[in-house]
Amino acid sequence: MTEISNQTIGQVQAQAASKSENSPQHRKARAAAEEFEAFFLSQILNNMSAGIQTDETFGGGESEKIFRSMLNDEYASSMSRRGGIGIADSVYKEILALQEI
């Protein structure tokens, strides 16, 4: 009997957790955490590509600098959406802890 009631309690807790994770507050917190991670990764990628010399035959100039920055932003956003490097998870947990959810 206690085994069944423990399973039932566990199922109810799992359902409550999944419902609360789909709340608007949780979605906004997750989006903010992923946006922060994307910004952080973008800064890293921009610093990494700052020293790369361009080929004068096919590129260079201000247009390539702008394009490279935009490309790095898109790389960072894509990396963050696909799991990133773990910063978003930590930031998400801290946001929730600060909001006491």
Protein backbone atom coordinates (compact mmCIF):
# COMPACT_ATOMS: atom_id res chain seq x y z
CA MET A 1 0.00 0.00 0.00
CA THR A 2 2.76 2.47 0.88
CA GLU A 3 4.56 1.63 -2.36
CA ILE A 4 1.49 2.63 -4.37
CA SER A 5 0.95 5.81 -2.38
CA ASN A 6 4.64 6.75 -2.77
CA GLN A 7 4.36 6.25 -6.53
CA THR A 8 1.21 8.35 -6.61
CA ILE A 9 2.87 11.13 -4.61
CA GLY A 10 5.87 11.02 -6.94
CA GLN A 11 3.63 11.27 -9.99
CA VAL A 12 1.71 14.21 -8.55
CA GLN A 13 4.96 16.01 -7.72
CA ALA A 14 6.33 15.36 -11.22
CA GLN A 15 3.13 16.70 -12.78
CA ALA A 16 3.22 19.80 -10.58
CA ALA A 17 6.86 20.42 -11.50
CA SER A 18 6.18 20.05 -15.22
CA LYS A 19 3.19 22.42 -14.99
CA SER A 20 5.21 25.03 -13.12
CA GLU A 21 8.08 24.78 -15.64
CA ASN A 22 5.61 25.68 -18.38
CA SER A 23 4.37 28.76 -16.56
CA PRO A 24 4.94 32.16 -18.15
CA GLN A 25 7.44 33.10 -15.44
CA HIS A 26 9.54 30.02 -16.13
CA ARG A 27 9.43 30.58 -19.89
CA LYS A 28 10.51 34.21 -19.46
CA ALA A 29 13.29 33.20 -17.09
CA ARG A 30 14.52 30.54 -19.53
CA ALA A 31 14.42 33.03 -22.43
CA ALA A 32 16.37 35.61 -20.42
CA ALA A 33 18.97 33.02 -19.43
CA GLU A 34 19.42 31.88 -23.04
CA GLU A 35 19.65 35.49 -24.21
CA PHE A 36 22.35 36.17 -21.61
CA GLU A 37 24.30 33.11 -22.70
CA ALA A 38 23.97 34.13 -26.36
CA PHE A 39 25.31 37.60 -25.57
CA PHE A 40 28.22 36.11 -23.62
CA LEU A 41 29.06 33.69 -26.43
CA SER A 42 28.78 36.50 -28.98
CA GLN A 43 31.33 38.54 -27.07
CA ILE A 44 33.70 35.57 -26.97
CA LEU A 45 33.29 34.89 -30.69
CA ASN A 46 33.78 38.57 -31.58
CA ASN A 47 37.00 38.70 -29.54
CA MET A 48 38.22 35.47 -31.13
CA SER A 49 37.61 36.72 -34.66
CA ALA A 50 39.00 40.22 -34.06
CA GLY A 51 42.53 39.21 -35.07
CA ILE A 52 41.61 37.32 -38.22
CA GLN A 53 43.00 38.98 -41.32
CA THR A 54 40.63 39.29 -44.27
CA ASP A 55 41.42 38.40 -47.84
CA GLU A 56 41.55 41.64 -49.79
CA THR A 57 40.59 39.91 -53.04
CA PHE A 58 37.19 38.71 -51.86
CA GLY A 59 36.43 40.78 -48.81
CA GLY A 60 37.58 43.20 -46.23
CA GLY A 61 36.35 46.63 -45.34
CA GLU A 62 33.54 47.77 -43.10
CA SER A 63 30.95 45.51 -44.69
CA GLU A 64 32.85 42.39 -43.71
CA LYS A 65 33.30 43.64 -40.15
CA ILE A 66 29.55 44.17 -39.86
CA PHE A 67 28.79 40.81 -41.45
CA ARG A 68 31.26 38.98 -39.20
CA SER A 69 29.71 40.56 -36.11
CA MET A 70 26.20 39.59 -37.24
CA LEU A 71 27.37 36.08 -38.10
CA ASN A 72 28.95 35.70 -34.66
CA ASP A 73 25.68 36.87 -33.06
CA GLU A 74 23.75 34.21 -35.01
CA TYR A 75 26.29 31.52 -34.12
CA ALA A 76 25.96 32.48 -30.46
CA SER A 77 22.15 32.45 -30.57
CA SER A 78 22.13 29.07 -32.27
CA MET A 79 24.60 27.63 -29.78
CA SER A 80 22.57 28.93 -26.84
CA ARG A 81 19.28 27.51 -28.19
CA ARG A 82 20.89 24.10 -28.66
CA GLY A 83 22.20 23.80 -25.12
CA GLY A 84 25.16 26.17 -25.18
CA ILE A 85 27.96 25.72 -22.72
CA GLY A 86 25.86 25.53 -19.58
CA ILE A 87 25.69 29.18 -18.65
CA ALA A 88 21.96 29.44 -19.40
CA ASP A 89 21.12 26.61 -17.01
CA SER A 90 23.03 28.25 -14.17
CA VAL A 91 21.55 31.67 -14.88
CA TYR A 92 18.05 30.14 -15.11
CA LYS A 93 18.43 28.51 -11.70
CA GLU A 94 19.70 31.75 -10.18
CA ILE A 95 16.82 33.75 -11.67
CA LEU A 96 14.33 31.31 -10.16
CA ALA A 97 16.15 31.32 -6.83
CA LEU A 98 16.13 35.12 -6.71
CA GLN A 99 12.41 35.12 -7.47
CA GLU A 100 11.88 32.35 -4.90
CA ILE A 101 9.86 30.20 -7.27
